[in-house]
Amino acid sequence: MTGCLSRRLWLFGAFAALVFASATTPALAGPFSGLAGSWSGSGHISLSDGSRERIRCRAHYSVGAGGTMLQQSLRCASDSYNFEL
């Protein structure tokens, strides 16, 4: 009887350890976690007079608060235009 009781206590302890171990796994990353870093690219814009210009852009994404906050800086330039967001 004592062997059966100690085996049950051991199984209960092992089960409890698994439950507590799984409870301490980290939470899923926030929706912006994969965006951290920098990006650059180029293309063309069509102006109202029908002409086209080449445009180049650079962006930087800073992610915080476990991936739930995003800060973006964007800079684009063409021959006629230059803007930052």
Protein backbone atom coordinates (compact mmCIF):
# COMPACT_ATOMS: atom_id res chain seq x y z
CA MET A 1 0.00 0.00 0.00
CA THR A 2 2.81 2.40 0.86
CA GLY A 3 4.47 1.73 -2.52
CA CYS A 4 1.24 2.53 -4.36
CA LEU A 5 0.77 5.77 -2.39
CA SER A 6 4.35 6.90 -2.99
CA ARG A 7 3.99 6.13 -6.70
CA ARG A 8 0.80 8.22 -6.84
CA LEU A 9 2.50 11.08 -5.02
CA TRP A 10 5.44 10.88 -7.42
CA LEU A 11 3.09 10.92 -10.44
CA PHE A 12 1.17 13.87 -8.96
CA GLY A 13 4.45 15.74 -8.38
CA ALA A 14 5.60 15.06 -11.94
CA PHE A 15 2.25 16.26 -13.31
CA ALA A 16 2.35 19.41 -11.15
CA ALA A 17 5.89 20.15 -12.33
CA LEU A 18 4.79 19.91 -15.97
CA VAL A 19 1.84 22.21 -15.35
CA PHE A 20 3.97 24.84 -13.62
CA ALA A 21 6.70 24.58 -16.25
CA SER A 22 4.23 25.19 -19.06
CA ALA A 23 2.72 28.13 -17.16
CA THR A 24 6.05 29.96 -17.28
CA THR A 25 6.52 29.80 -21.06
CA PRO A 26 6.84 33.27 -22.59
CA ALA A 27 3.79 34.96 -24.11
CA LEU A 28 3.46 35.19 -27.87
CA ALA A 29 5.24 38.11 -29.47
CA GLY A 30 3.19 41.20 -30.36
CA PRO A 31 1.97 41.91 -33.89
CA PHE A 32 4.87 44.26 -34.74
CA SER A 33 7.73 41.99 -33.59
CA GLY A 34 8.68 40.94 -37.11
CA LEU A 35 8.92 44.51 -38.42
CA ALA A 36 11.98 45.70 -36.47
CA GLY A 37 14.81 46.92 -38.67
CA SER A 38 15.43 48.99 -41.78
CA TRP A 39 14.16 48.93 -45.33
CA SER A 40 15.06 50.81 -48.49
CA GLY A 41 13.79 50.77 -52.03
CA SER A 42 13.17 52.78 -55.16
CA GLY A 43 10.51 53.22 -57.79
CA HIS A 44 8.82 55.85 -59.93
CA ILE A 45 6.10 58.39 -59.22
CA SER A 46 3.73 59.89 -61.77
CA LEU A 47 3.26 63.64 -61.46
CA SER A 48 0.08 65.56 -62.28
CA ASP A 49 1.61 66.90 -65.52
CA GLY A 50 2.11 63.33 -66.76
CA SER A 51 5.88 63.20 -66.19
CA ARG A 52 7.56 60.47 -64.13
CA GLU A 53 10.40 60.73 -61.63
CA ARG A 54 12.49 58.19 -59.86
CA ILE A 55 11.94 58.11 -56.07
CA ARG A 56 14.05 56.51 -53.37
CA CYS A 57 12.85 55.73 -49.84
CA ARG A 58 14.39 54.57 -46.57
CA ALA A 59 12.42 53.41 -43.55
CA HIS A 60 13.40 52.42 -40.02
CA TYR A 61 11.08 50.55 -37.68
CA SER A 62 11.65 50.52 -33.91
CA VAL A 63 9.57 47.97 -32.01
CA GLY A 64 8.98 48.09 -28.25
CA ALA A 65 6.78 46.81 -25.44
CA GLY A 66 7.10 43.19 -26.47
CA GLY A 67 6.14 43.90 -30.06
CA THR A 68 2.97 45.87 -29.28
CA MET A 69 4.38 49.34 -30.05
CA LEU A 70 5.85 50.53 -33.36
CA GLN A 71 7.68 53.71 -34.28
CA GLN A 72 8.40 54.37 -37.94
CA SER A 73 10.61 56.92 -39.64
CA LEU A 74 10.33 57.24 -43.41
CA ARG A 75 12.34 59.45 -45.77
CA CYS A 76 11.71 59.63 -49.50
CA ALA A 77 13.37 61.80 -52.15
CA SER A 78 12.95 62.40 -55.86
CA ASP A 79 14.33 65.11 -58.15
CA SER A 80 11.46 67.44 -57.21
CA TYR A 81 10.32 66.23 -53.81
CA ASN A 82 11.81 65.38 -50.45
CA PHE A 83 9.72 64.35 -47.45
CA GLU A 84 10.00 62.69 -44.06
CA LEU A 85 7.34 61.00 -41.95
